[in-house]
């Protein structure tokens, strides 16, 4: 019965991870939106207020502290989302392995 309990525990873990993935996905989308808005605002500010040539804006803008902070938050959110996806994939693999082992032990044929 340990295998059945392990499978049930992994199923619960998988369900919880899917909920976390949704939360992380929302945070990633919001961070991406915040970053793009800040990037656009700073590009317009550099062009309008500082009369910076358009060709230089792309090189300068990523060093603006607010843009760099938003980009960092976006990258962290992306990492969290990707890590959560990988955790879900590993949990699914563990489930498949336990189910195969359960089938072998109980002699069930697929």
Protein backbone atom coordinates (compact mmCIF):
# COMPACT_ATOMS: atom_id res chain seq x y z
CA UNK A 1 0.00 0.00 0.00
CA UNK A 2 2.99 2.30 0.26
CA UNK A 3 2.99 2.69 -3.53
CA UNK A 4 -0.64 3.75 -3.53
CA UNK A 5 0.05 6.28 -0.78
CA UNK A 6 3.09 7.56 -2.67
CA UNK A 7 1.02 7.92 -5.83
CA UNK A 8 -1.70 9.78 -3.95
CA UNK A 9 0.88 12.08 -2.36
CA UNK A 10 2.41 12.84 -5.78
CA UNK A 11 -1.04 13.51 -7.23
CA UNK A 12 -1.70 16.03 -4.46
CA UNK A 13 1.72 17.58 -5.03
CA UNK A 14 0.99 17.82 -8.76
CA UNK A 15 -2.32 19.56 -8.12
CA UNK A 16 -0.65 22.04 -5.78
CA UNK A 17 2.13 22.68 -8.31
CA UNK A 18 -0.39 23.43 -11.03
CA UNK A 19 -2.00 26.07 -8.80
CA UNK A 20 1.43 27.59 -8.14
CA UNK A 21 2.16 27.53 -11.89
CA UNK A 22 -0.96 29.60 -12.51
CA UNK A 23 0.14 32.13 -9.87
CA UNK A 24 3.67 32.24 -11.30
CA UNK A 25 2.28 32.63 -14.82
CA UNK A 26 0.22 35.62 -13.74
CA UNK A 27 3.23 37.16 -12.00
CA UNK A 28 5.35 36.59 -15.10
CA UNK A 29 2.78 38.25 -17.35
CA UNK A 30 2.51 41.23 -15.01
CA UNK A 31 6.29 41.57 -14.73
CA UNK A 32 6.63 41.41 -18.53
CA UNK A 33 3.97 44.08 -18.91
CA UNK A 34 5.58 46.35 -16.31
CA UNK A 35 8.97 45.93 -17.98
CA UNK A 36 7.71 46.71 -21.48
CA UNK A 37 5.80 49.78 -20.30
CA UNK A 38 8.82 51.09 -18.38
CA UNK A 39 11.11 50.39 -21.33
CA UNK A 40 8.83 52.33 -23.69
CA UNK A 41 8.46 55.25 -21.28
CA UNK A 42 12.19 55.54 -20.75
CA UNK A 43 12.88 55.31 -24.50
CA UNK A 44 10.43 58.12 -25.15
CA UNK A 45 11.90 60.17 -22.32
CA UNK A 46 15.45 59.75 -23.65
CA UNK A 47 14.34 60.77 -27.12
CA UNK A 48 12.13 63.71 -26.12
CA UNK A 49 13.83 65.21 -23.07
CA UNK A 50 17.46 64.46 -23.79
CA UNK A 51 17.32 64.57 -27.60
CA UNK A 52 19.24 61.32 -27.71
CA UNK A 53 19.68 59.80 -31.16
CA UNK A 54 17.46 56.77 -31.71
CA UNK A 55 20.50 54.64 -32.52
CA UNK A 56 21.94 55.20 -29.04
CA UNK A 57 18.73 54.67 -27.07
CA UNK A 58 18.89 50.89 -27.44
CA UNK A 59 22.39 50.84 -25.97
CA UNK A 60 21.65 53.24 -23.10
CA UNK A 61 18.16 52.23 -22.00
CA UNK A 62 19.05 48.91 -20.38
CA UNK A 63 21.35 50.73 -17.95
CA UNK A 64 18.57 52.98 -16.65
CA UNK A 65 18.04 51.79 -13.05
CA UNK A 66 14.23 51.54 -13.26
CA UNK A 67 14.39 49.59 -16.53
CA UNK A 68 17.09 47.30 -15.13
CA UNK A 69 15.00 46.64 -12.01
CA UNK A 70 11.90 45.80 -14.06
CA UNK A 71 13.95 43.52 -16.30
CA UNK A 72 15.39 41.75 -13.26
CA UNK A 73 11.91 41.21 -11.82
CA UNK A 74 10.76 39.86 -15.19
CA UNK A 75 13.72 37.49 -15.40
CA UNK A 76 13.15 36.25 -11.85
CA UNK A 77 9.46 35.66 -12.61
CA UNK A 78 10.45 33.75 -15.76
CA UNK A 79 12.86 31.59 -13.76
CA UNK A 80 10.20 30.82 -11.16
CA UNK A 81 7.72 29.89 -13.88
CA UNK A 82 10.23 27.63 -15.66
CA UNK A 83 11.27 25.99 -12.40
CA UNK A 84 7.66 25.28 -11.56
CA UNK A 85 7.07 23.75 -14.98
CA UNK A 86 10.10 21.51 -14.51
CA UNK A 87 8.85 20.44 -11.09
CA UNK A 88 5.54 19.44 -12.65
CA UNK A 89 7.33 17.42 -15.32
CA UNK A 90 9.46 15.63 -12.71
CA UNK A 91 6.39 14.89 -10.61
CA UNK A 92 4.63 13.40 -13.65
CA UNK A 93 7.66 11.21 -14.34
CA UNK A 94 7.72 10.01 -10.74
CA UNK A 95 4.02 9.18 -11.01
CA UNK A 96 4.56 7.16 -14.18
CA UNK A 97 7.40 5.23 -12.54
CA UNK A 98 5.36 4.45 -9.43
CA UNK A 99 2.36 3.40 -11.51
CA UNK A 100 4.57 1.08 -13.58
CA UNK A 101 6.04 -0.38 -10.40
CA UNK A 102 2.55 -0.86 -8.94
CA UNK A 103 1.45 -2.64 -12.10
CA UNK A 104 4.50 -4.94 -11.95
CA UNK A 105 3.96 -5.78 -8.30
CA UNK A 106 0.26 -6.46 -8.65
CA UNK A 107 0.63 -8.26 -11.96
CA UNK A 108 -1.74 -5.94 -13.81
CA UNK A 109 -1.42 -6.10 -17.54
CA UNK A 110 -1.92 -2.96 -19.60
